Amino acid sequence: MPLEERKYLYDIQQAIDLIDATIDDRIVWGVVERKLPQLRKEVRELLQAVPD
């Protein structure tokens, strides 16, 4: 996973920790691994659709 994505996910995890939520890391990473590629594709498509 690229460093930028890991930093982003670290920031998310820190925010979760701040609100004292208990989340199983296996669930979080499972969601990331399954959903992130599709999210990246959709964001890329949206950005390409934006006129300059």
Protein backbone atom coordinates (compact mmCIF):
# COMPACT_ATOMS: atom_id res chain seq x y z
CA MET A 1 0.00 0.00 0.00
CA PRO A 2 1.41 3.43 -0.91
CA LEU A 3 2.75 5.56 1.93
CA GLU A 4 0.16 8.31 1.39
CA GLU A 5 -2.69 5.84 1.87
CA ARG A 6 -1.08 4.39 4.99
CA LYS A 7 -0.72 7.89 6.45
CA TYR A 8 -4.37 8.62 5.70
CA LEU A 9 -5.47 5.39 7.33
CA TYR A 10 -3.24 6.13 10.33
CA ASP A 11 -4.96 9.50 10.70
CA ILE A 12 -8.35 7.80 10.60
CA GLN A 13 -7.27 5.31 13.25
CA GLN A 14 -6.00 8.15 15.45
CA ALA A 15 -9.35 9.94 15.17
CA ILE A 16 -11.13 6.76 16.17
CA ASP A 17 -8.83 6.35 19.15
CA LEU A 18 -9.59 9.91 20.25
CA ILE A 19 -13.27 9.13 20.60
CA ASP A 20 -12.36 5.99 22.53
CA ALA A 21 -14.07 3.65 20.08
CA THR A 22 -13.18 -0.01 20.16
CA ILE A 23 -12.71 -1.30 16.65
CA ASP A 24 -11.12 -4.55 15.62
CA ASP A 25 -8.19 -3.71 13.34
CA ARG A 26 -8.89 -6.84 11.30
CA ILE A 27 -12.29 -5.44 10.40
CA VAL A 28 -10.91 -2.01 9.51
CA TRP A 29 -8.13 -3.40 7.35
CA GLY A 30 -10.51 -5.91 5.78
CA VAL A 31 -12.80 -3.08 4.69
CA VAL A 32 -9.84 -1.06 3.44
CA GLU A 33 -8.45 -3.94 1.43
CA ARG A 34 -11.83 -4.69 -0.14
CA LYS A 35 -13.14 -1.16 -0.70
CA LEU A 36 -10.12 1.08 -1.30
CA PRO A 37 -9.42 -0.02 -4.89
CA GLN A 38 -13.00 0.74 -5.92
CA LEU A 39 -12.97 4.07 -4.08
CA ARG A 40 -9.74 5.09 -5.82
CA LYS A 41 -11.25 4.18 -9.21
CA GLU A 42 -14.42 6.17 -8.52
CA VAL A 43 -12.50 9.22 -7.30
CA ARG A 44 -10.24 9.09 -10.35
CA GLU A 45 -13.30 8.96 -12.63
CA LEU A 46 -14.91 11.88 -10.81
CA LEU A 47 -11.76 13.95 -11.08
CA GLN A 48 -11.48 13.23 -14.80
CA ALA A 49 -15.06 14.42 -15.28
CA VAL A 50 -14.33 17.83 -13.72
CA PRO A 51 -13.70 20.46 -16.41
CA ASP A 52 -10.40 22.36 -16.17
